[in-house]
Amino acid sequence: GYFNQRVTECRYSSKDLQGIEYIDSYVFNQVENIRFNSTVGKYVGYTELGVKNAEAWNKGPELAQMLGQLERYCKPNADLRY
């Protein structure tokens, strides 16, 4: 069988809201293909398919949606972490 996984996480390095990082990773058979990192501000591909998808997603509406996830998802939930 195949193993497909999407992992989203907020990394909190301090109580300061400026130290939050949002990460969205796509993994297939334990190999990470593509990742969005709010610190980098774009998708990065790690495999041939991931590089192609990153190029397309960085030009499309997917990038704008991910850029807002830090404000929509991570920051409002920061109080739950501390």
N, C-alpha and C. Protein backbone atom coordinates (compact mmCIF):
# COMPACT_ATOMS: atom_id res chain seq x y z
N GLY A 1 0.81 -1.18 0.00
CA GLY A 1 0.00 0.00 0.00
C GLY A 1 0.86 1.26 0.00
N TYR A 2 0.17 2.34 -0.12
CA TYR A 2 0.81 3.65 -0.15
C TYR A 2 0.47 4.43 1.10
N PHE A 3 1.35 5.31 1.47
CA PHE A 3 1.18 6.14 2.65
C PHE A 3 1.23 7.60 2.22
N ASN A 4 0.11 8.30 2.36
CA ASN A 4 0.02 9.71 2.01
C ASN A 4 -0.36 10.49 3.25
N GLN A 5 0.35 11.57 3.53
CA GLN A 5 0.11 12.30 4.77
C GLN A 5 0.31 13.80 4.53
N ARG A 6 -0.54 14.58 5.18
CA ARG A 6 -0.37 16.04 5.20
C ARG A 6 -0.26 16.46 6.66
N VAL A 7 0.79 17.18 6.98
CA VAL A 7 1.03 17.59 8.36
C VAL A 7 1.05 19.12 8.41
N THR A 8 0.18 19.69 9.24
CA THR A 8 0.21 21.13 9.46
C THR A 8 0.51 21.36 10.93
N GLU A 9 1.34 22.35 11.20
CA GLU A 9 1.70 22.63 12.58
C GLU A 9 2.08 24.09 12.75
N CYS A 10 1.89 24.55 13.96
CA CYS A 10 2.35 25.87 14.38
C CYS A 10 3.49 25.62 15.36
N ARG A 11 4.61 26.25 15.11
CA ARG A 11 5.74 26.13 16.03
C ARG A 11 5.87 27.44 16.80
N TYR A 12 5.82 27.31 18.10
CA TYR A 12 5.89 28.47 18.98
C TYR A 12 7.26 28.46 19.67
N SER A 13 8.08 29.43 19.36
CA SER A 13 9.40 29.48 19.96
C SER A 13 9.42 30.33 21.23
N SER A 14 8.38 31.13 21.42
CA SER A 14 8.28 31.96 22.62
C SER A 14 6.84 32.42 22.78
N LYS A 15 6.54 33.09 23.88
CA LYS A 15 5.20 33.63 24.08
C LYS A 15 4.93 34.83 23.17
N ASP A 16 5.97 35.40 22.64
CA ASP A 16 5.85 36.52 21.73
C ASP A 16 5.23 36.03 20.42
N LEU A 17 4.18 36.67 19.96
CA LEU A 17 3.50 36.23 18.74
C LEU A 17 4.37 36.39 17.49
N GLN A 18 5.47 37.10 17.59
CA GLN A 18 6.37 37.25 16.45
C GLN A 18 7.20 35.98 16.23
N GLY A 19 7.26 35.11 17.23
CA GLY A 19 8.08 33.91 17.14
C GLY A 19 7.30 32.68 16.69
N ILE A 20 6.21 32.87 15.97
CA ILE A 20 5.37 31.75 15.52
C ILE A 20 5.70 31.42 14.07
N GLU A 21 5.71 30.13 13.79
CA GLU A 21 5.99 29.65 12.44
C GLU A 21 4.92 28.64 12.05
N TYR A 22 4.32 28.81 10.87
CA TYR A 22 3.31 27.87 10.36
C TYR A 22 3.96 27.01 9.28
N ILE A 23 3.78 25.68 9.40
CA ILE A 23 4.37 24.73 8.45
C ILE A 23 3.28 23.79 7.95
N ASP A 24 3.26 23.58 6.64
CA ASP A 24 2.31 22.67 5.99
C ASP A 24 3.12 21.74 5.08
N SER A 25 3.21 20.46 5.43
CA SER A 25 4.04 19.50 4.70
C SER A 25 3.20 18.42 4.04
N TYR A 26 3.62 18.01 2.86
CA TYR A 26 2.98 16.92 2.13
C TYR A 26 3.99 15.78 2.01
N VAL A 27 3.61 14.60 2.51
CA VAL A 27 4.51 13.45 2.57
C VAL A 27 3.88 12.27 1.83
N PHE A 28 4.66 11.59 1.01
CA PHE A 28 4.20 10.38 0.33
C PHE A 28 5.23 9.29 0.56
N ASN A 29 4.79 8.17 1.12
CA ASN A 29 5.67 7.04 1.45
C ASN A 29 6.90 7.49 2.24
N GLN A 30 6.67 8.28 3.25
CA GLN A 30 7.68 8.76 4.19
C GLN A 30 8.72 9.68 3.55
N VAL A 31 8.42 10.24 2.38
CA VAL A 31 9.30 11.21 1.72
C VAL A 31 8.54 12.53 1.62
N GLU A 32 9.11 13.57 2.20
CA GLU A 32 8.46 14.88 2.11
C GLU A 32 8.66 15.43 0.70
N ASN A 33 7.53 15.71 0.02
CA ASN A 33 7.58 16.22 -1.34
C ASN A 33 7.60 17.73 -1.41
N ILE A 34 6.81 18.35 -0.57
CA ILE A 34 6.65 19.80 -0.65
C ILE A 34 6.31 20.35 0.74
N ARG A 35 6.74 21.59 1.00
CA ARG A 35 6.47 22.21 2.30
C ARG A 35 6.24 23.71 2.12
N PHE A 36 5.24 24.20 2.84
CA PHE A 36 5.07 25.65 2.98
C PHE A 36 5.57 26.02 4.36
N ASN A 37 6.39 27.05 4.44
CA ASN A 37 6.89 27.54 5.71
C ASN A 37 6.63 29.05 5.74
N SER A 38 5.92 29.52 6.76
CA SER A 38 5.57 30.94 6.82
C SER A 38 6.79 31.83 6.96
N THR A 39 7.87 31.33 7.52
CA THR A 39 9.09 32.11 7.63
C THR A 39 9.72 32.33 6.26
N VAL A 40 9.70 31.31 5.42
CA VAL A 40 10.22 31.40 4.06
C VAL A 40 9.23 32.19 3.19
N GLY A 41 7.93 31.96 3.42
CA GLY A 41 6.89 32.70 2.70
C GLY A 41 6.50 32.12 1.37
N LYS A 42 6.85 30.86 1.14
CA LYS A 42 6.49 30.21 -0.12
C LYS A 42 6.60 28.70 0.04
N TYR A 43 6.11 27.98 -0.99
CA TYR A 43 6.26 26.53 -1.05
C TYR A 43 7.66 26.19 -1.56
N VAL A 44 8.22 25.11 -1.01
CA VAL A 44 9.52 24.61 -1.44
C VAL A 44 9.35 23.12 -1.74
N GLY A 45 9.81 22.70 -2.91
CA GLY A 45 9.73 21.29 -3.29
C GLY A 45 11.01 20.56 -2.99
N TYR A 46 10.89 19.30 -2.59
CA TYR A 46 12.05 18.49 -2.24
C TYR A 46 12.25 17.30 -3.16
N THR A 47 11.27 17.04 -4.01
CA THR A 47 11.37 15.97 -5.00
C THR A 47 11.03 16.58 -6.36
N GLU A 48 11.17 15.81 -7.42
CA GLU A 48 10.86 16.33 -8.76
C GLU A 48 9.41 16.79 -8.83
N LEU A 49 8.50 15.97 -8.35
CA LEU A 49 7.09 16.35 -8.34
C LEU A 49 6.84 17.53 -7.40
N GLY A 50 7.50 17.53 -6.26
CA GLY A 50 7.34 18.62 -5.30
C GLY A 50 7.81 19.95 -5.85
N VAL A 51 8.90 19.97 -6.60
CA VAL A 51 9.41 21.20 -7.21
C VAL A 51 8.39 21.74 -8.22
N LYS A 52 7.82 20.85 -9.05
CA LYS A 52 6.81 21.27 -10.03
C LYS A 52 5.58 21.84 -9.33
N ASN A 53 5.12 21.16 -8.29
CA ASN A 53 3.95 21.65 -7.56
C ASN A 53 4.26 22.97 -6.86
N ALA A 54 5.43 23.11 -6.29
CA ALA A 54 5.81 24.35 -5.60
C ALA A 54 5.79 25.52 -6.57
N GLU A 55 6.32 25.33 -7.76
CA GLU A 55 6.32 26.40 -8.76
C GLU A 55 4.90 26.82 -9.10
N ALA A 56 4.02 25.84 -9.30
CA ALA A 56 2.62 26.15 -9.65
C ALA A 56 1.88 26.78 -8.48
N TRP A 57 2.05 26.23 -7.29
CA TRP A 57 1.32 26.74 -6.13
C TRP A 57 1.80 28.13 -5.71
N ASN A 58 3.07 28.44 -5.93
CA ASN A 58 3.58 29.77 -5.60
C ASN A 58 3.04 30.84 -6.54
N LYS A 59 2.54 30.44 -7.70
CA LYS A 59 1.96 31.38 -8.66
C LYS A 59 0.44 31.46 -8.55
N GLY A 60 -0.18 30.54 -7.82
CA GLY A 60 -1.63 30.46 -7.77
C GLY A 60 -2.22 30.94 -6.46
N PRO A 61 -3.53 30.71 -6.29
CA PRO A 61 -4.22 31.16 -5.08
C PRO A 61 -3.81 30.38 -3.82
N GLU A 62 -3.16 29.25 -4.00
CA GLU A 62 -2.73 28.45 -2.84
C GLU A 62 -1.77 29.23 -1.94
N LEU A 63 -0.89 30.00 -2.54
CA LEU A 63 0.09 30.76 -1.76
C LEU A 63 -0.60 31.81 -0.89
N ALA A 64 -1.54 32.54 -1.46
CA ALA A 64 -2.25 33.57 -0.69
C ALA A 64 -3.00 32.95 0.49
N GLN A 65 -3.58 31.78 0.27
CA GLN A 65 -4.30 31.10 1.35
C GLN A 65 -3.34 30.70 2.47
N MET A 66 -2.19 30.16 2.13
CA MET A 66 -1.23 29.73 3.15
C MET A 66 -0.63 30.92 3.90
N LEU A 67 -0.41 32.02 3.21
CA LEU A 67 0.16 33.20 3.87
C LEU A 67 -0.75 33.70 4.99
N GLY A 68 -2.06 33.49 4.86
CA GLY A 68 -2.99 33.93 5.89
C GLY A 68 -3.17 32.95 7.03
N GLN A 69 -2.68 31.73 6.91
CA GLN A 69 -2.88 30.72 7.95
C GLN A 69 -2.22 31.10 9.28
N LEU A 70 -1.12 31.78 9.24
CA LEU A 70 -0.44 32.19 10.47
C LEU A 70 -1.37 33.09 11.28
N GLU A 71 -2.03 34.03 10.63
CA GLU A 71 -2.95 34.95 11.31
C GLU A 71 -4.25 34.27 11.70
N ARG A 72 -4.77 33.40 10.82
CA ARG A 72 -6.08 32.77 11.05
C ARG A 72 -6.02 31.61 12.04
N TYR A 73 -4.95 30.85 12.01
CA TYR A 73 -4.90 29.60 12.76
C TYR A 73 -3.92 29.65 13.94
N CYS A 74 -2.70 30.06 13.71
CA CYS A 74 -1.67 29.97 14.75
C CYS A 74 -1.83 31.03 15.84
N LYS A 75 -1.94 32.28 15.45
CA LYS A 75 -1.98 33.34 16.46
C LYS A 75 -3.19 33.27 17.37
N PRO A 76 -4.41 32.99 16.86
CA PRO A 76 -5.55 32.88 17.78
C PRO A 76 -5.45 31.71 18.76
N ASN A 77 -4.70 30.67 18.42
CA ASN A 77 -4.57 29.51 19.27
C ASN A 77 -3.31 29.53 20.14
N ALA A 78 -2.54 30.60 20.08
CA ALA A 78 -1.28 30.67 20.83
C ALA A 78 -1.54 30.60 22.34
N ASP A 79 -2.62 31.19 22.81
CA ASP A 79 -2.93 31.16 24.24
C ASP A 79 -3.17 29.75 24.75
N LEU A 80 -3.67 28.87 23.89
CA LEU A 80 -3.90 27.48 24.29
C LEU A 80 -2.59 26.73 24.53
N ARG A 81 -1.52 27.17 23.89
CA ARG A 81 -0.22 26.53 24.03
C ARG A 81 0.50 26.93 25.30
N TYR A 82 0.17 28.10 25.84
CA TYR A 82 0.90 28.60 27.00
C TYR A 82 0.02 28.71 28.21
